[in-house]
Structures are given as structure tokens and as C-alpha cells.
């Protein structure tokens, strides 16, 4: 036991400055003060937290979620171009790695640019910067599924369309309790002429 302690001391002693090579017992103490602790938050952390991108919130009901999405589309280009479509993309409840029926037919919507282009298609562009809207019907299909039909008058003359929003409330996972958009369907045959997305 004595030889083992001696070997440990000699190994430790070689790493210490010369003044510690004496035969005194080795005692190591750590001291830290608040100025030594790194600050992992940036100086503007609180401000940036308040400016988090607008999207689903746990406090939103299904009706609130639809209203906020339509408001964002009404002012689509504020504060930047296609910001309203960005908000819609944040509310979208599809898996970006699988084809989705968000707009009806199966589309690959994983890339935001593809999602954005469909909103600029003739059937959906009425939503961008629309002037007026009216809720035609609302239905709680199940506890976690809500549908709402909305009539929209666009910014261009004689431009009006009807859309059906289907909202689903997630159960489990990081989105537990949030209302997300399963689909936004145009009442007519919106893609009869095809769409380049």
C-alpha cells in the first residue's frame, strides 16, 4: 500500500510546479466566482426570444389557428415578401420527408419553395392579400379534428374562392396539444391544368 501511494504521489508531483514537490500532503481546492462562469446566453437573448417566428402556440384553439393563418395571408408581404406563406408553413402538420395531401393531391412539400409556389398558383393566390373573408361553416369532427370552410374575396376583380381548412390536434411528441393544419383544400378542381412546383 505504501509503494502504491508513493507511485501516485510521484506521478502527481511531476505535473505540479516545483514549490509543490515538498513532502506536504497534496490538497487541491477550486475557487470560482460569478465572473468566471461563462454566460451562454447572448446579450440580446431575451429580445430574440420575444421575436420568435410566429407559428403554432399551445394557447391557440383550432379557430384561433385558422384565423391567425388567414390574417398572415391577408398581409402576406408584411414584414417581408411571402411572410404569410412562411406562417402557413410553420402551421403545416405534414412530414417534410413524405408526400402530403395538404393541397389535395400528393405533393412533395418538404422544401418551402415548393409549398410557396402552390400558393402562387391561380387557385390559391386569392388567399394572398385577400380583401374579405367569411366563415361559412365550422365542425368539430372529433375531439382532435376540426374543419372550417371559408369564403375569400381576393384583391383582383371578381376573384373569390372557397377553401376548407382541416386542423388536427397532435397527441404526444414535441407538438402535443398544438393545433396544426392537415390540409387546405380548394372547393373546385384547383389543379386540373397542372401545377409546376
Protein backbone atom coordinates (compact mmCIF):
# COMPACT_ATOMS: atom_id res chain seq x y z
CA UNK A 1 0.00 0.00 0.00
CA UNK A 2 2.87 2.28 0.83
CA UNK A 3 4.54 1.74 -2.58
CA UNK A 4 1.27 2.44 -4.37
CA UNK A 5 0.81 5.78 -2.59
CA UNK A 6 4.41 6.68 -3.33
CA UNK A 7 3.92 5.93 -7.06
CA UNK A 8 0.79 8.04 -7.19
CA UNK A 9 2.46 10.91 -5.38
CA UNK A 10 5.49 10.83 -7.66
CA UNK A 11 3.29 10.79 -10.78
CA UNK A 12 1.18 13.68 -9.46
CA UNK A 13 4.24 15.55 -8.25
CA UNK A 14 5.78 15.58 -11.72
CA UNK A 15 2.79 17.54 -13.03
CA UNK A 16 2.90 20.18 -10.29
CA UNK A 17 5.12 23.27 -10.12
CA UNK A 18 8.39 22.97 -8.16
CA UNK A 19 7.04 24.59 -4.99
CA UNK A 20 4.59 21.66 -4.55
CA UNK A 21 7.25 18.95 -4.71
CA UNK A 22 7.66 19.13 -0.95
CA UNK A 23 6.52 16.28 1.24
CA UNK A 24 3.41 18.13 2.41
CA UNK A 25 0.07 16.41 1.78
CA UNK A 26 -1.40 17.40 -1.57
CA UNK A 27 -4.63 19.39 -1.23
CA UNK A 28 -6.37 20.78 -4.29
CA UNK A 29 -9.03 23.45 -3.95
CA UNK A 30 -11.15 25.01 -6.66
CA UNK A 31 -12.47 28.50 -6.40
CA UNK A 32 -15.00 30.05 -8.72
CA UNK A 33 -16.90 33.26 -8.67
CA UNK A 34 -19.79 34.54 -10.75
CA UNK A 35 -17.47 36.36 -13.14
CA UNK A 36 -15.70 33.09 -14.00
CA UNK A 37 -18.90 31.31 -15.03
CA UNK A 38 -19.43 31.67 -18.78
CA UNK A 39 -22.62 33.37 -19.88
CA UNK A 40 -24.11 31.05 -22.52
CA UNK A 41 -26.92 33.43 -23.43
CA UNK A 42 -26.15 36.27 -25.81
CA UNK A 43 -26.74 39.81 -24.67
CA UNK A 44 -29.89 40.06 -26.81
CA UNK A 45 -31.29 36.64 -25.82
CA UNK A 46 -34.44 37.97 -24.16
CA UNK A 47 -35.21 40.28 -27.07
CA UNK A 48 -34.67 37.49 -29.62
CA UNK A 49 -36.92 35.19 -27.56
CA UNK A 50 -39.71 37.73 -27.81
CA UNK A 51 -39.21 37.91 -31.58
CA UNK A 52 -39.52 34.15 -32.17
CA UNK A 53 -41.15 33.34 -35.50
CA UNK A 54 -44.91 33.40 -35.44
CA UNK A 55 -46.47 29.96 -35.62
CA UNK A 56 -48.48 27.46 -33.58
CA UNK A 57 -48.97 28.21 -29.89
CA UNK A 58 -50.28 25.90 -27.21
CA UNK A 59 -52.82 28.56 -26.20
CA UNK A 60 -54.45 28.68 -29.68
CA UNK A 61 -57.74 26.90 -30.25
CA UNK A 62 -58.42 25.41 -33.69
CA UNK A 63 -60.45 28.52 -34.66
CA UNK A 64 -57.61 30.79 -33.49
CA UNK A 65 -55.10 28.84 -35.57
CA UNK A 66 -57.20 29.22 -38.75
CA UNK A 67 -57.78 32.93 -38.08
CA UNK A 68 -54.08 33.64 -37.50
CA UNK A 69 -53.14 31.85 -40.72
CA UNK A 70 -55.71 33.79 -42.73
CA UNK A 71 -54.58 37.07 -41.15
CA UNK A 72 -51.00 36.27 -42.14
CA UNK A 73 -52.10 35.58 -45.74
CA UNK A 74 -54.15 38.79 -45.84
CA UNK A 75 -50.94 40.73 -45.13
CA UNK A 76 -48.73 38.24 -46.93
CA UNK A 77 -45.89 40.61 -47.81
CA UNK A 78 -45.54 42.25 -44.38
CA UNK A 79 -42.92 42.47 -42.90
CA UNK A 80 -41.24 40.75 -45.89
CA UNK A 81 -42.36 39.09 -49.13
CA UNK A 82 -44.34 35.87 -48.62
CA UNK A 83 -44.16 36.10 -44.82
CA UNK A 84 -47.79 34.92 -44.67
CA UNK A 85 -46.87 31.75 -46.56
CA UNK A 86 -44.00 31.21 -44.08
CA UNK A 87 -46.56 31.32 -41.25
CA UNK A 88 -48.70 28.77 -43.10
CA UNK A 89 -45.65 26.51 -43.48
CA UNK A 90 -44.99 26.68 -39.71
CA UNK A 91 -48.60 25.62 -39.02
CA UNK A 92 -48.45 22.79 -41.59
CA UNK A 93 -48.84 19.39 -39.95
CA UNK A 94 -47.24 17.24 -42.65
CA UNK A 95 -44.00 15.28 -42.54
CA UNK A 96 -41.50 17.09 -44.81
CA UNK A 97 -39.89 13.75 -45.74
CA UNK A 98 -43.09 12.23 -47.17
CA UNK A 99 -45.54 13.24 -49.87
CA UNK A 100 -48.52 15.12 -48.48
CA UNK A 101 -52.19 15.68 -49.34
CA UNK A 102 -52.10 19.16 -47.76
CA UNK A 103 -53.44 20.67 -51.02
CA UNK A 104 -55.42 17.60 -52.10
CA UNK A 105 -53.20 15.62 -54.50
CA UNK A 106 -50.00 14.00 -53.25
CA UNK A 107 -47.22 16.61 -53.43
CA UNK A 108 -43.67 16.64 -52.16
CA UNK A 109 -43.84 19.73 -49.93
CA UNK A 110 -40.69 19.21 -47.89
CA UNK A 111 -39.00 22.24 -49.43
CA UNK A 112 -40.55 25.59 -48.58
CA UNK A 113 -40.11 26.80 -52.17
CA UNK A 114 -42.47 24.09 -53.47
CA UNK A 115 -45.02 24.97 -50.81
CA UNK A 116 -44.71 28.67 -51.69
CA UNK A 117 -45.21 28.09 -55.43
CA UNK A 118 -48.52 26.32 -54.88
CA UNK A 119 -49.85 29.37 -53.03
CA UNK A 120 -48.97 31.45 -56.07
CA UNK A 121 -50.91 29.04 -58.33
CA UNK A 122 -54.09 30.62 -59.70
CA UNK A 123 -56.43 28.69 -57.37
CA UNK A 124 -54.66 29.61 -54.14
CA UNK A 125 -53.36 33.09 -54.94
CA UNK A 126 -56.75 34.55 -53.99
CA UNK A 127 -55.66 34.00 -50.38
CA UNK A 128 -52.60 36.24 -50.81
CA UNK A 129 -53.54 39.79 -49.86
CA UNK A 130 -57.28 38.98 -49.83
CA UNK A 131 -59.71 41.81 -49.04
CA UNK A 132 -62.54 39.97 -47.34
CA UNK A 133 -63.45 36.58 -45.91
CA UNK A 134 -66.42 34.92 -44.30
CA UNK A 135 -66.67 31.69 -42.31
CA UNK A 136 -69.29 29.51 -43.98
CA UNK A 137 -69.25 26.58 -41.55
CA UNK A 138 -67.29 25.07 -38.66
CA UNK A 139 -67.40 21.48 -37.50
CA UNK A 140 -65.70 19.55 -34.71
CA UNK A 141 -65.35 16.20 -36.46
CA UNK A 142 -63.65 14.59 -33.46
CA UNK A 143 -62.05 15.82 -30.28
CA UNK A 144 -58.76 16.31 -32.14
CA UNK A 145 -60.08 17.22 -35.63
CA UNK A 146 -61.72 20.48 -36.71
CA UNK A 147 -62.90 21.62 -40.16
CA UNK A 148 -63.79 25.11 -41.28
CA UNK A 149 -64.99 26.34 -44.68
CA UNK A 150 -64.05 29.91 -45.56
CA UNK A 151 -65.18 32.09 -48.45
CA UNK A 152 -62.47 34.52 -49.59
CA UNK A 153 -62.67 37.60 -51.85
CA UNK A 154 -59.32 38.37 -53.41
CA UNK A 155 -57.60 41.64 -54.27
CA UNK A 156 -58.32 41.27 -58.02
CA UNK A 157 -61.76 41.99 -59.54
CA UNK A 158 -64.28 39.14 -59.38
CA UNK A 159 -61.79 36.88 -57.61
CA UNK A 160 -63.45 34.74 -54.97
CA UNK A 161 -62.97 31.16 -53.86
CA UNK A 162 -63.95 28.81 -51.03
CA UNK A 163 -61.44 26.78 -49.02
CA UNK A 164 -61.71 24.10 -46.38
CA UNK A 165 -59.18 24.08 -43.53
CA UNK A 166 -58.72 20.81 -41.67
CA UNK A 167 -56.98 21.23 -38.33
CA UNK A 168 -55.65 18.35 -36.22
CA UNK A 169 -54.52 18.47 -32.62
CA UNK A 170 -51.35 16.49 -32.05
CA UNK A 171 -51.14 14.00 -29.21
CA UNK A 172 -47.70 13.15 -27.87
CA UNK A 173 -44.30 14.29 -29.01
CA UNK A 174 -42.98 17.84 -29.09
CA UNK A 175 -46.22 19.19 -30.65
CA UNK A 176 -48.51 17.63 -28.04
CA UNK A 177 -51.68 19.74 -27.71
CA UNK A 178 -50.92 22.06 -30.67
CA UNK A 179 -53.42 22.57 -33.50
CA UNK A 180 -51.71 22.09 -36.87
CA UNK A 181 -53.11 22.31 -40.40
CA UNK A 182 -53.63 18.91 -42.02
CA UNK A 183 -54.96 20.36 -45.27
CA UNK A 184 -56.17 23.49 -47.06
CA UNK A 185 -58.44 22.34 -49.89
CA UNK A 186 -59.91 24.42 -52.68
CA UNK A 187 -63.60 23.67 -53.31
CA UNK A 188 -63.14 23.27 -57.05
CA UNK A 189 -60.74 21.24 -59.18
CA UNK A 190 -57.79 23.50 -58.46
CA UNK A 191 -55.08 21.51 -60.25
CA UNK A 192 -56.92 20.47 -63.41
CA UNK A 193 -54.45 22.46 -65.54
CA UNK A 194 -51.48 21.08 -63.61
CA UNK A 195 -49.01 22.95 -61.47
CA UNK A 196 -45.25 23.34 -61.79
CA UNK A 197 -43.96 23.13 -58.29
